[in-house]
Amino acid sequence: MKACVDIGGTKVAVSLNSGSGLELVARRSEPTAKTGVNDALALQVMRMVDEACAQLRLPPQAVQRVGVSSCGPFAIRDGLVEVVAPNICGGMAGPARGLPNDWDTALLEGPLRTRFSHVRVENDCVAALEAERRWGALQGFDHCAYVTWSTGVGVGLCVDGRILRGKNGNAGHAGHMFVSDDDSEALCGCGNVGDVEALVAGNAVARRFGADAATLLARAKGGDPGAQGTVDELCRVMGRVLYNLVTTLDLQRISLGGSVFWNNRDYLLPRLSGHVSGRFPALTAGCELVGAGLADRVGDYAALALVS
């Protein structure tokens, strides 16, 4: 048995895989731990794995391999991954963001290695990129990206058939690119004002517009002119991110997922594509935007890809 762990700023999901095929069993999900001391996240993961084992009447020792697909960024301390996620660690932007802790990092890989013999931790978009290239919409593409529009905004990148990771495994954190310097209300959990996440991420929408992303998108799809204008502005920002990725990396295909996008994909995809298609064709022609081939299970399969 292998454990597949998907850590996001909103929830943690855990499931088990027997080692044959893509079947995931004993899946459970709960809100991401954000209180107590900064090993709370790792303890939550280990407890959830043990609970999954108990559901299948397996001893905890039956699971020794774990793949962890986690939101980032990461810090590497003593060779081990710690999470420095703005949506988890309250010590980054301070009380203004309202997170119930003062963590600068959340311990992850170190505690897990005391419980499991094999641990692989990757940024969630890097892991999702691996899964989409193996089983999803990016099969056969050597110049591609996976983009999540969810609680946060993140990217996994592949150029010339090689997945880009960077010095600390943080390549692809396009959600923290600056796109505005005059919106004092757009405070990101990382402390930046006016970066992509602060403007369009799922957790920013409610703060900026008084309605969560699901409500705002429902109003837009229902014909509310104000909501439609707001969503068009969100798509303008995200569309520029996608355009910049295509022109910088000369991509063939971008696969999109995450709760904000996936739950509204038919409405959002043509609007996002309109900010890429036809602009400077020498760089954008031949690149298409598509929904994730693994649909809303991309996070689960991302973790599986790390241990398969």
Protein backbone atom coordinates (compact mmCIF):
# COMPACT_ATOMS: atom_id res chain seq x y z
CA MET A 1 0.00 0.00 0.00
CA LYS A 2 1.07 3.53 -0.83
CA ALA A 3 -0.33 6.73 0.66
CA CYS A 4 -1.29 9.61 -1.61
CA VAL A 5 -1.48 12.98 0.13
CA ASP A 6 -2.80 16.20 -1.40
CA ILE A 7 -2.18 19.30 0.74
CA GLY A 8 -3.87 22.54 -0.17
CA GLY A 9 -4.47 25.83 1.55
CA THR A 10 -8.07 24.80 2.25
CA LYS A 11 -8.06 21.02 2.64
CA VAL A 12 -5.91 17.93 3.03
CA ALA A 13 -6.94 14.77 1.18
CA VAL A 14 -5.48 11.31 1.78
CA SER A 15 -6.09 8.07 -0.08
CA LEU A 16 -4.37 4.72 -0.49
CA ASN A 17 -3.26 2.81 -3.56
CA SER A 18 -2.46 -0.89 -3.63
CA GLY A 19 0.37 -0.47 -6.11
CA SER A 20 -1.55 -1.77 -9.13
CA GLY A 21 -3.43 0.61 -11.39
CA LEU A 22 -4.90 3.98 -10.55
CA GLU A 23 -7.52 2.92 -8.02
CA LEU A 24 -7.56 5.10 -4.92
CA VAL A 25 -9.31 3.75 -1.83
CA ALA A 26 -10.16 4.87 1.70
CA ARG A 27 -10.17 8.50 0.61
CA ARG A 28 -10.77 11.14 3.24
CA SER A 29 -10.61 14.92 3.26
CA GLU A 30 -10.65 17.57 5.97
CA PRO A 31 -9.71 21.23 6.46
CA THR A 32 -5.99 21.93 6.51
CA ALA A 33 -4.56 22.14 10.04
CA LYS A 34 -3.63 25.72 10.89
CA THR A 35 -3.63 25.86 14.69
CA GLY A 36 -1.20 24.68 17.36
CA VAL A 37 2.51 24.36 16.78
CA ASN A 38 4.04 24.14 13.34
CA ASP A 39 4.20 20.35 13.15
CA ALA A 40 0.37 20.23 13.15
CA LEU A 41 0.17 19.70 9.38
CA ALA A 42 2.54 16.71 9.42
CA LEU A 43 0.71 15.20 12.39
CA GLN A 44 -2.58 15.64 10.55
CA VAL A 45 -1.23 13.77 7.52
CA MET A 46 0.05 10.86 9.61
CA ARG A 47 -3.23 10.60 11.53
CA MET A 48 -5.26 10.59 8.31
CA VAL A 49 -3.07 7.86 6.79
CA ASP A 50 -3.53 5.75 9.93
CA GLU A 51 -7.29 6.31 9.75
CA ALA A 52 -7.32 5.19 6.12
CA CYS A 53 -5.44 2.04 7.12
CA ALA A 54 -7.93 1.40 9.91
CA GLN A 55 -10.81 1.73 7.45
CA LEU A 56 -9.29 -1.10 5.40
CA ARG A 57 -8.39 -3.07 8.55
CA LEU A 58 -4.70 -2.75 7.79
CA PRO A 59 -1.99 -2.17 10.39
CA PRO A 60 -0.42 1.30 10.01
CA GLN A 61 2.91 -0.35 9.19
CA ALA A 62 1.38 -1.64 5.95
CA VAL A 63 1.97 1.80 4.43
CA GLN A 64 5.63 2.76 4.11
CA ARG A 65 5.63 4.78 0.88
CA VAL A 66 3.99 8.20 0.73
CA GLY A 67 3.75 10.77 -2.04
CA VAL A 68 2.92 14.29 -0.90
CA SER A 69 1.63 16.84 -3.37
CA SER A 70 1.67 20.10 -1.41
CA CYS A 71 1.01 23.75 -1.99
CA GLY A 72 4.12 25.83 -1.54
CA PRO A 73 6.49 27.53 -1.62
CA PHE A 74 8.97 25.29 0.17
CA ALA A 75 11.99 25.98 2.30
CA ILE A 76 14.74 23.36 2.47
CA ARG A 77 16.17 23.02 5.98
CA ASP A 78 18.76 20.31 6.70
CA GLY A 79 17.81 18.76 3.38
CA LEU A 80 14.11 18.44 4.31
CA VAL A 81 11.06 20.22 2.91
CA GLU A 82 9.16 22.67 5.07
CA VAL A 83 6.05 24.43 3.77
CA VAL A 84 6.07 28.21 3.50
CA ALA A 85 2.55 28.51 2.09
CA PRO A 86 0.89 31.94 2.45
CA ASN A 87 -2.50 30.27 2.93
CA ILE A 88 -1.23 28.10 5.81
CA CYS A 89 1.53 30.01 7.59
CA GLY A 90 0.19 33.07 9.39
CA GLY A 91 3.59 34.48 10.27
CA MET A 92 4.20 35.74 6.75
CA ALA A 93 1.65 38.52 6.27
CA GLY A 94 0.79 38.93 9.93
CA PRO A 95 -2.60 39.53 11.56
CA ALA A 96 -4.01 41.31 8.51
CA ARG A 97 -4.68 37.96 6.83
CA GLY A 98 -6.38 36.50 9.91
CA LEU A 99 -4.71 33.08 9.94
CA PRO A 100 -4.82 31.51 13.43
CA ASN A 101 -1.07 30.93 13.81
CA ASP A 102 2.26 32.73 13.67
CA TRP A 103 4.13 30.03 11.77
CA ASP A 104 6.90 31.06 9.41
CA THR A 105 7.03 27.49 8.11
CA ALA A 106 5.07 24.29 8.61
CA LEU A 107 7.18 21.19 9.21
CA LEU A 108 6.40 18.41 6.75
CA GLU A 109 9.05 16.05 5.39
CA GLY A 110 11.02 15.67 8.63
CA PRO A 111 8.14 14.35 10.77
CA LEU A 112 6.89 12.15 7.92
CA ARG A 113 10.28 10.46 7.65
CA THR A 114 9.94 9.33 11.26
CA ARG A 115 6.83 7.38 10.24
CA PHE A 116 7.42 6.27 6.62
CA SER A 117 10.46 4.64 5.03
CA HIS A 118 9.98 6.37 1.65
CA VAL A 119 8.75 9.97 1.38
CA ARG A 120 8.59 12.13 -1.73
CA VAL A 121 7.33 15.71 -1.43
CA GLU A 122 6.75 17.91 -4.47
CA ASN A 123 5.00 21.17 -5.15
CA ASP A 124 1.39 20.36 -5.98
CA CYS A 125 1.58 21.81 -9.49
CA VAL A 126 4.79 19.93 -10.28
CA ALA A 127 3.12 16.73 -9.10
CA ALA A 128 -0.04 17.52 -11.06
CA LEU A 129 2.09 18.18 -14.13
CA GLU A 130 3.65 14.72 -13.75
CA ALA A 131 0.19 13.16 -13.44
CA GLU A 132 -1.21 15.06 -16.41
CA ARG A 133 1.79 14.04 -18.55
CA ARG A 134 1.38 10.36 -17.57
CA TRP A 135 -2.39 9.93 -17.54
CA GLY A 136 -4.09 13.21 -18.47
CA ALA A 137 -4.28 16.02 -20.99
CA LEU A 138 -0.51 16.58 -21.34
CA GLN A 139 0.42 13.10 -22.60
CA GLY A 140 2.85 13.38 -25.49
CA PHE A 141 3.74 17.04 -24.89
CA ASP A 142 7.33 18.08 -24.08
CA HIS A 143 6.66 21.83 -23.82
CA CYS A 144 3.70 22.24 -21.49
CA ALA A 145 2.38 23.50 -18.18
CA TYR A 146 -0.23 22.70 -15.59
CA VAL A 147 -1.94 25.70 -13.97
CA THR A 148 -4.17 25.60 -10.93
CA TRP A 149 -6.68 28.36 -10.18
CA SER A 150 -7.91 27.44 -6.73
CA THR A 151 -7.37 28.74 -3.19
CA GLY A 152 -4.06 29.93 -4.64
CA VAL A 153 -2.56 30.15 -8.13
CA GLY A 154 0.30 27.87 -9.10
CA VAL A 155 2.08 26.43 -12.13
CA GLY A 156 4.04 23.30 -13.03
CA LEU A 157 6.39 23.73 -15.98
CA CYS A 158 7.92 21.34 -18.51
CA VAL A 159 10.31 22.52 -21.23
CA ASP A 160 12.20 20.25 -23.66
CA GLY A 161 10.69 17.26 -21.86
CA ARG A 162 12.18 18.29 -18.51
CA ILE A 163 10.14 19.33 -15.52
CA LEU A 164 11.48 22.54 -14.00
CA ARG A 165 11.97 22.58 -10.23
CA GLY A 166 14.50 25.25 -9.28
CA LYS A 167 16.86 25.45 -6.33
CA ASN A 168 14.22 24.70 -3.66
CA GLY A 169 11.56 23.03 -5.78
CA ASN A 170 9.70 26.33 -6.16
CA ALA A 171 9.83 26.87 -9.92
CA GLY A 172 6.40 27.84 -11.18
CA HIS A 173 5.15 30.06 -8.37
CA ALA A 174 3.65 32.44 -10.90
CA GLY A 175 0.92 33.33 -8.42
CA HIS A 176 3.42 35.64 -6.73
CA MET A 177 4.32 37.65 -9.82
CA PHE A 178 3.54 41.34 -9.37
CA VAL A 179 0.85 42.61 -11.70
CA SER A 180 -0.36 45.72 -9.85
CA ASP A 181 1.20 48.30 -7.58
CA ASP A 182 -1.78 50.51 -6.90
CA ASP A 183 -4.31 48.22 -5.22
CA SER A 184 -3.70 48.55 -1.50
CA GLU A 185 -6.53 46.13 -0.72
CA ALA A 186 -4.89 43.26 -2.61
CA LEU A 187 -2.74 41.81 0.19
CA CYS A 188 -1.35 38.34 -0.43
CA GLY A 189 -0.56 35.95 2.39
CA CYS A 190 3.10 36.17 1.40
CA GLY A 191 3.09 39.86 2.32
CA ASN A 192 3.06 41.18 -1.25
CA VAL A 193 0.45 43.72 -2.26
CA GLY A 194 -0.79 43.39 -5.83
CA ASP A 195 0.51 39.99 -6.90
CA VAL A 196 -1.57 37.52 -8.93
CA GLU A 197 -2.86 35.55 -5.94
CA ALA A 198 -3.84 38.70 -4.09
CA LEU A 199 -5.94 39.76 -7.07
CA VAL A 200 -7.60 36.59 -8.39
CA ALA A 201 -7.02 33.55 -6.16
CA GLY A 202 -10.05 31.89 -4.63
CA ASN A 203 -9.19 33.15 -1.16
CA ALA A 204 -8.83 36.72 -2.48
CA VAL A 205 -12.17 36.93 -4.23
CA ALA A 206 -14.28 37.04 -1.08
CA ARG A 207 -11.98 39.62 0.54
CA ARG A 208 -12.06 41.88 -2.50
CA PHE A 209 -15.62 41.49 -3.75
CA GLY A 210 -17.75 40.40 -0.80
CA ALA A 211 -18.71 37.03 -2.31
CA ASP A 212 -16.77 33.79 -2.61
CA ALA A 213 -15.67 32.58 -6.03
CA ALA A 214 -18.52 30.07 -6.37
CA THR A 215 -21.14 32.75 -5.66
CA LEU A 216 -19.51 35.33 -7.90
CA LEU A 217 -19.24 32.89 -10.82
CA ALA A 218 -22.84 31.74 -10.33
CA ARG A 219 -24.00 35.35 -10.55
CA ALA A 220 -21.91 35.96 -13.66
CA LYS A 221 -23.24 32.85 -15.38
CA GLY A 222 -26.74 33.93 -14.38
CA GLY A 223 -26.36 37.20 -16.29
CA ASP A 224 -25.53 39.67 -13.50
CA PRO A 225 -23.68 42.51 -15.32
CA GLY A 226 -21.65 43.55 -12.27
CA ALA A 227 -20.49 39.99 -11.60
CA GLN A 228 -19.69 39.49 -15.27
CA GLY A 229 -17.52 42.59 -15.26
CA THR A 230 -15.69 41.41 -12.16
CA VAL A 231 -15.10 37.94 -13.62
CA ASP A 232 -13.88 39.48 -16.88
CA GLU A 233 -11.30 41.42 -14.85
CA LEU A 234 -10.22 38.25 -13.04
CA CYS A 235 -9.83 36.53 -16.40
CA ARG A 236 -7.82 39.46 -17.73
CA VAL A 237 -5.26 38.98 -14.95
CA MET A 238 -5.17 35.19 -15.28
CA GLY A 239 -5.12 35.47 -19.06
CA ARG A 240 -2.03 37.66 -18.89
CA VAL A 241 -0.34 35.09 -16.65
CA LEU A 242 -1.07 32.38 -19.21
CA TYR A 243 0.05 34.56 -22.12
CA ASN A 244 3.31 35.36 -20.33
CA LEU A 245 3.96 31.66 -19.71
CA VAL A 246 3.35 30.80 -23.36
CA THR A 247 5.56 33.57 -24.72
CA THR A 248 8.34 33.02 -22.19
CA LEU A 249 8.55 29.24 -22.49
CA ASP A 250 7.23 28.59 -26.03
CA LEU A 251 4.61 26.10 -24.83
CA GLN A 252 2.43 23.69 -26.80
CA ARG A 253 -0.34 23.15 -24.28
CA ILE A 254 -1.51 24.34 -20.87
CA SER A 255 -3.76 22.14 -18.76
CA LEU A 256 -5.92 23.97 -16.21
CA GLY A 257 -7.43 22.73 -12.96
CA GLY A 258 -8.23 23.84 -9.43
CA SER A 259 -11.60 24.47 -7.82
CA VAL A 260 -12.16 28.00 -9.13
CA PHE A 261 -11.44 26.96 -12.71
CA TRP A 262 -12.79 23.43 -12.78
CA ASN A 263 -16.19 24.18 -11.30
CA ASN A 264 -16.68 26.92 -13.92
CA ARG A 265 -14.56 25.65 -16.76
CA ASP A 266 -17.12 26.04 -19.57
CA TYR A 267 -17.53 29.72 -18.66
CA LEU A 268 -13.89 30.54 -17.93
CA LEU A 269 -11.94 28.62 -20.58
CA PRO A 270 -13.04 30.66 -23.62
CA ARG A 271 -12.47 33.89 -21.71
CA LEU A 272 -8.96 32.85 -20.71
CA SER A 273 -8.18 31.56 -24.20
CA GLY A 274 -9.18 34.94 -25.61
CA HIS A 275 -6.25 36.55 -23.80
CA VAL A 276 -3.77 34.16 -25.46
CA SER A 277 -5.08 33.08 -28.85
CA GLY A 278 -4.27 35.48 -31.67
CA ARG A 279 -1.90 37.66 -29.65
CA PHE A 280 1.54 37.72 -31.29
CA PRO A 281 0.90 34.52 -33.31
CA ALA A 282 4.61 33.90 -33.86
CA LEU A 283 4.75 32.95 -30.16
CA THR A 284 1.21 31.84 -29.34
CA ALA A 285 0.15 29.91 -32.45
CA GLY A 286 0.13 26.19 -31.85
CA CYS A 287 -0.51 26.48 -28.11
CA GLU A 288 -3.90 25.53 -26.68
CA LEU A 289 -5.53 25.82 -23.28
CA VAL A 290 -7.48 22.76 -22.10
CA GLY A 291 -9.14 21.52 -18.94
CA ALA A 292 -7.22 18.99 -16.86
CA GLY A 293 -7.58 15.49 -18.26
CA LEU A 294 -7.76 14.13 -14.71
CA ALA A 295 -10.63 16.52 -13.94
CA ASP A 296 -11.27 17.28 -10.28
CA ARG A 297 -9.17 14.29 -9.16
CA VAL A 298 -5.92 15.75 -10.44
CA GLY A 299 -4.71 16.40 -6.88
CA ASP A 300 -5.18 12.78 -5.85
CA TYR A 301 -3.44 11.44 -8.94
CA ALA A 302 -0.69 14.05 -8.54
CA ALA A 303 0.28 12.44 -5.25
CA LEU A 304 0.06 8.96 -6.80
CA ALA A 305 2.40 10.01 -9.61
CA LEU A 306 5.09 10.69 -7.01
CA VAL A 307 5.21 7.08 -5.82
CA SER A 308 4.32 5.18 -9.00
